[in-house]
Protein backbone atom coordinates (compact mmCIF):
# COMPACT_ATOMS: atom_id res chain seq x y z
CA MET A 1 0.00 0.00 0.00
CA LYS A 2 2.82 2.41 0.83
CA ASP A 3 4.53 1.73 -2.50
CA LEU A 4 1.23 2.33 -4.30
CA GLN A 5 0.75 5.59 -2.42
CA SER A 6 4.27 6.70 -3.34
CA ARG A 7 3.69 5.97 -7.02
CA ILE A 8 0.37 7.86 -6.97
CA PHE A 9 1.94 10.95 -5.41
CA ALA A 10 5.07 10.83 -7.59
CA VAL A 11 3.13 10.62 -10.85
CA HIS A 12 0.72 13.42 -9.98
CA CYS A 13 3.21 15.76 -8.26
CA TYR A 14 5.95 15.56 -10.90
CA PRO A 15 4.07 15.01 -14.19
CA ASP A 16 6.91 16.36 -16.35
CA ALA A 17 9.70 14.37 -14.69
CA ARG A 18 12.58 13.35 -16.97
CA PRO A 19 13.22 9.66 -17.71
CA GLY A 20 14.59 7.80 -14.70
CA ALA A 21 13.85 10.54 -12.18
CA LEU A 22 10.28 9.48 -11.40
CA ASP A 23 11.35 5.99 -10.36
CA VAL A 24 13.98 7.39 -7.99
CA ILE A 25 11.44 9.79 -6.50
CA ALA A 26 8.85 7.04 -5.99
CA ARG A 27 11.40 4.82 -4.23
CA PHE A 28 12.50 7.74 -2.07
CA LEU A 29 8.88 8.55 -1.11
CA ALA A 30 8.18 4.88 -0.25
CA LEU A 31 11.24 4.69 2.00
CA TRP A 32 10.42 8.08 3.53
CA THR A 33 6.85 7.00 4.34
CA ARG A 34 8.08 3.90 6.15
CA HIS A 35 10.64 6.01 7.99
CA ASP A 36 8.04 8.63 8.93
CA ASP A 37 5.62 6.03 10.30
CA ARG A 38 8.37 4.51 12.42
CA LEU A 39 9.43 7.88 13.79
CA GLU A 40 5.86 8.67 14.84
CA SER A 41 5.52 5.33 16.63
CA GLU A 42 8.96 5.60 18.27
CA GLY A 43 8.71 9.29 19.17
CA GLY A 44 11.42 10.76 16.97
CA ILE A 45 14.93 9.90 15.84
CA SER A 46 18.33 10.17 17.48
CA LYS A 47 20.61 12.93 16.21
CA ASP A 48 23.35 10.47 15.24
CA ARG A 49 20.99 8.40 13.12
CA ALA A 50 19.46 11.53 11.58
CA ASP A 51 22.91 12.84 10.66
CA LEU A 52 23.87 9.52 9.07
CA ILE A 53 20.72 9.46 6.93
CA ARG A 54 21.24 13.07 5.89
CA CYS A 55 24.84 12.39 4.85
CA ALA A 56 23.82 9.25 2.97
CA LEU A 57 21.19 11.20 1.02
CA THR A 58 23.69 13.81 -0.19
CA GLY A 59 25.46 11.21 -2.31
CA ALA A 60 28.79 12.33 -0.87
CA LEU A 61 29.54 8.95 0.72
CA THR A 62 31.27 6.90 -1.97
CA GLU A 63 30.90 3.72 0.10
CA PRO A 64 27.86 2.62 2.13
CA PRO A 65 28.12 3.27 5.88
CA VAL A 66 29.43 0.29 7.85
CA THR A 67 26.30 -0.79 9.68
CA ALA A 68 23.97 -3.76 9.92
CA ASP A 69 21.03 -1.41 9.54
CA ARG A 70 19.44 -2.25 6.17
CA GLU A 71 17.46 0.99 6.15
CA ILE A 72 20.66 3.05 6.25
CA ARG A 73 21.90 1.09 3.22
CA ALA A 74 18.63 1.91 1.43
CA TRP A 75 19.09 5.63 2.17
CA TRP A 76 22.64 5.44 0.82
CA GLU A 77 21.42 3.77 -2.40
CA ILE A 78 18.85 6.54 -2.92
CA GLY A 79 21.58 9.12 -2.32
CA GLN A 80 23.73 7.47 -5.00
CA ASP A 81 20.82 7.60 -7.44
CA PHE A 82 20.34 11.30 -6.69
CA ALA A 83 24.05 11.93 -7.28
CA LYS A 84 23.90 10.28 -10.72
CA LEU A 85 21.25 12.68 -11.97
CA ALA A 86 21.86 15.93 -10.04
CA SER A 87 24.73 18.24 -9.14
CA PRO A 88 26.60 17.99 -5.83
CA LYS A 89 25.18 21.41 -4.89
CA TRP A 90 21.60 20.22 -5.31
CA CYS A 91 22.32 16.98 -3.45
CA HIS A 92 23.76 18.96 -0.54
CA ARG A 93 20.79 21.33 -0.44
CA PHE A 94 18.39 18.40 -0.61
CA GLY A 95 20.17 16.64 2.24
CA GLU A 96 19.87 19.81 4.32
CA ARG A 97 16.13 20.04 3.57
CA TYR A 98 15.66 16.47 4.65
CA GLY A 99 17.77 17.02 7.75
CA ALA A 100 15.58 20.00 8.68
CA TRP A 101 12.52 17.76 8.36
CA GLN A 102 14.05 15.21 10.74
CA ASP A 103 14.72 18.01 13.25
CA ALA A 104 11.07 19.05 12.93
CA VAL A 105 9.93 15.50 13.63
CA ARG A 106 11.80 15.58 16.93
CA ALA A 107 9.99 18.82 17.77
CA GLU A 108 6.71 17.19 16.77
CA ALA A 109 7.35 14.24 19.09
CA GLN A 110 7.95 16.67 21.94
CA MET A 111 4.75 18.53 21.05
CA VAL A 112 2.74 15.30 21.25
CA ALA A 113 4.39 14.41 24.56
CA ASN A 114 3.44 17.83 25.97
CA TRP A 115 -0.01 18.32 24.45
CA GLY A 116 -1.31 14.89 23.48
CA ARG A 117 -4.00 14.82 20.82
CA TYR A 118 -4.95 18.50 21.10
CA PRO A 119 -1.98 20.89 20.79
CA GLU A 120 -2.74 24.60 20.81
CA VAL A 121 -3.52 25.60 17.22
CA GLY A 122 -0.63 28.05 16.75
CA ILE A 123 1.91 25.59 18.19
CA TYR A 124 0.53 22.73 16.11
CA SER A 125 0.50 24.72 12.86
CA GLY A 126 4.03 26.03 13.34
CA ILE A 127 5.54 22.63 14.04
CA ARG A 128 3.46 20.60 11.59
CA ASN A 129 4.20 23.05 8.76
CA ARG A 130 7.82 21.90 8.99
CA ALA A 131 7.19 18.30 10.06
CA ALA A 132 4.84 17.63 7.14
CA GLY A 133 7.95 17.61 4.94
CA MET A 134 7.18 20.01 2.13
CA GLY A 135 10.82 21.17 2.07
CA PRO A 136 12.06 17.95 0.45
CA TRP A 137 8.93 17.65 -1.72
CA VAL A 138 9.45 21.08 -3.28
CA ALA A 139 13.21 20.57 -3.59
CA LEU A 140 12.56 17.42 -5.63
CA ILE A 141 11.14 19.58 -8.44
CA GLU A 142 14.64 20.47 -9.62
CA PHE A 143 15.68 16.83 -9.57
CA ALA A 144 12.54 15.74 -11.41
CA LEU A 145 13.00 18.26 -14.20
CA GLY A 146 16.79 18.12 -14.37
CA ARG A 147 16.91 21.88 -14.07
CA GLU A 148 18.30 23.68 -11.05
CA LEU A 149 17.52 27.11 -9.68
CA PRO A 150 20.24 29.75 -9.96
CA THR A 151 21.98 30.64 -6.71
CA SER A 152 20.64 34.20 -7.01
CA ALA A 153 17.07 32.87 -6.66
CA LEU A 154 17.70 31.17 -3.32
CA ASP A 155 16.47 34.02 -1.14
CA ILE A 156 13.81 34.92 1.42
CA ASP A 157 11.03 35.15 -1.16
CA LEU A 158 11.75 31.61 -2.29
CA GLU A 159 11.65 30.45 1.32
CA ARG A 160 8.26 32.13 1.65
CA ILE A 161 7.02 29.92 -1.20
CA TYR A 162 8.26 26.88 0.69
CA GLU A 163 6.48 28.07 3.83
CA LEU A 164 3.18 28.72 2.07
CA VAL A 165 3.25 25.40 0.25
CA GLY A 166 3.66 23.85 3.69
CA SER A 167 0.67 25.77 5.06
CA VAL A 168 -1.58 24.86 2.11
CA HIS A 169 -0.52 21.24 2.35
CA LEU A 170 -1.08 21.10 6.11
CA ALA A 171 -4.73 22.11 5.72
CA ASP A 172 -5.28 19.74 2.81
CA ASN A 173 -3.45 16.85 4.50
CA ASP A 174 -5.36 17.18 7.76
CA LEU A 175 -8.75 17.38 6.06
CA HIS A 176 -8.02 14.18 4.15
CA GLY A 177 -6.40 12.58 7.20
CA ILE A 178 -9.26 12.94 9.72
CA THR A 179 -10.13 9.23 9.77
CA MET A 180 -6.50 8.08 9.74
CA ASP A 181 -5.47 10.43 12.56
CA SER A 182 -8.57 9.65 14.60
CA ARG A 183 -7.84 5.92 14.49
CA ALA A 184 -4.19 6.55 15.42
CA ASP A 185 -5.14 9.01 18.20
CA TRP A 186 -2.80 11.46 16.47
CA PRO A 187 -3.08 15.29 16.43
CA ASN A 188 -4.86 16.97 13.53
CA LEU A 189 -5.62 20.62 12.82
CA VAL A 190 -9.35 19.83 12.78
CA PHE A 191 -9.14 18.23 16.24
CA SER A 192 -7.17 21.14 17.72
CA ILE A 193 -9.51 23.81 16.37
CA ALA A 194 -12.58 21.89 17.55
CA HIS A 195 -11.10 21.30 21.00
CA HIS A 196 -9.80 24.81 21.68
CA ASP A 197 -12.58 26.79 19.98
CA GLY A 198 -15.48 24.66 21.23
CA LEU A 199 -16.59 23.60 17.74
CA SER A 200 -17.86 20.35 16.31
CA TRP A 201 -15.51 18.47 13.99
CA ALA A 202 -17.70 19.46 11.06
CA GLU A 203 -17.47 23.15 12.00
CA ALA A 204 -13.73 22.86 12.57
CA SER A 205 -13.35 21.23 9.15
CA GLU A 206 -15.06 24.21 7.57
CA GLU A 207 -12.61 26.50 9.37
CA VAL A 208 -9.66 24.47 8.05
CA ALA A 209 -11.10 24.74 4.55
CA ARG A 210 -11.22 28.53 4.97
CA LEU A 211 -7.61 28.52 6.16
CA HIS A 212 -6.67 26.49 3.10
CA ALA A 213 -8.24 29.11 0.83
CA ARG A 214 -6.51 31.92 2.72
CA TYR A 215 -3.08 30.27 2.49
CA LEU A 216 -3.64 29.60 -1.21
CA CYS A 217 -4.46 33.26 -1.80
CA GLN A 218 -1.25 34.27 -0.02
CA PHE A 219 0.69 31.80 -2.14
CA HIS A 220 -0.67 33.32 -5.36
CA THR A 221 0.38 36.79 -4.19
CA VAL A 222 3.98 35.74 -3.49
CA ASP A 223 4.03 33.63 -6.66
CA GLN A 224 3.08 36.64 -8.78
CA HIS A 225 5.65 38.82 -7.02
CA LEU A 226 8.38 36.31 -7.82
CA ARG A 227 7.26 35.97 -11.44
CA ASN A 228 7.47 39.73 -11.88
CA ARG A 229 10.85 39.96 -10.16
CA ASN A 230 12.48 36.82 -11.53
CA PRO A 231 10.77 35.74 -14.77
CA GLU A 232 13.62 33.28 -15.36
CA ILE A 233 12.26 31.00 -12.60
CA ALA A 234 8.71 30.89 -13.94
CA TRP A 235 9.34 27.25 -14.93
CA TRP A 236 9.96 26.39 -11.27
CA LEU A 237 6.88 28.27 -10.04
CA ASP A 238 4.79 26.45 -12.64
CA ALA A 239 6.17 23.17 -11.30
CA VAL A 240 5.34 24.21 -7.73
CA ARG A 241 1.73 24.67 -8.85
CA HIS A 242 1.76 21.21 -10.43
CA LEU A 243 3.12 19.83 -7.16
CA MET A 244 0.40 21.43 -5.07
CA ALA A 245 -2.34 20.16 -7.37
CA GLY A 246 -0.72 16.73 -7.40
CA LEU A 247 -0.71 16.56 -3.61
CA VAL A 248 -4.45 17.23 -3.53
CA THR A 249 -5.07 14.57 -6.19
CA GLY A 250 -2.84 12.16 -4.30
CA HIS A 251 -4.80 12.70 -1.10
CA GLN A 252 -8.04 12.05 -2.98
CA LEU A 253 -6.75 8.80 -4.52
CA SER A 254 -4.38 7.39 -1.91
CA PRO A 255 -5.63 4.41 0.15
CA ARG A 256 -3.87 5.98 3.14
CA TYR A 257 -6.11 9.05 3.19
CA SER A 258 -9.80 9.56 2.42
CA PRO A 259 -12.07 12.28 0.99
CA VAL A 260 -14.98 10.91 3.05
CA HIS A 261 -15.08 10.62 6.85
CA ARG A 262 -17.54 9.44 9.48
CA LEU A 263 -17.13 11.87 12.35
CA GLU A 264 -17.44 11.15 16.08
CA ASP A 265 -21.07 12.31 16.19
CA GLY A 266 -22.02 10.15 13.20
CA THR A 267 -21.91 13.03 10.71
CA ARG A 268 -20.65 12.09 7.26
CA LEU A 269 -18.14 14.62 5.90
CA ARG A 270 -16.87 14.75 2.33
CA VAL A 271 -13.80 16.80 1.29
CA THR A 272 -14.60 18.34 -2.09
CA VAL A 273 -12.00 20.02 -4.25
CA HIS A 274 -12.98 22.94 -6.50
CA TRP A 275 -10.42 23.44 -9.27
CA ARG A 276 -9.85 26.87 -10.76
CA LYS A 277 -7.50 27.89 -13.57
């Protein structure tokens, strides 16, 4: 099921991927999903292990790390595949993005330990924006297309795009993940809003949908600003849009998530996507 989910997301998020890249991305996403599930169940990852995975992903290790851990070997193999198709600079940046995600997962584990199922909304949103992993997802665009951003484009406005993609994805992910998170007794933006604002889950879902629309509007504003300022990266911004649409489609199709939920009070809730050009 996890491999199927990875293929669904890879195909829809990177529709213009060059030959060979899509297979590497799908294998990376499958390994990442297994890794993510284990981290949630184990409450995070040690810094030493996180550093080893990050280094393996950069492709800089010419030989696999000496360890009996088969998962580390798998990370190293993915890193070697990245290095065959991308520059050392991109591989390093990608490793740093992934390392930042692992750091965020440790913060998420601490959040759950402190707050349980219902973290305060601001705390939850801030941590989950980073722990949801959009940094690596967006960075994979350059690998997929075989076209890297110029160094001059790597500035605060670009980071704002990353942040807003994370916010949009958080709302979308949590709306499609209500049933999954409820069964796992795991935090969700819908649960936090309902708990702290005294709303039903249905009402809280409507509020998350409004947040999604607000974040998307903010994204379009920054996107247009960047297009006007740096027209040479329009190709990348177009790909970011494809990625965001692909994530929504993936959530609708993936067996891991669901567009239809049966809420605690018996209400049936359907997540409907309205597409606009």
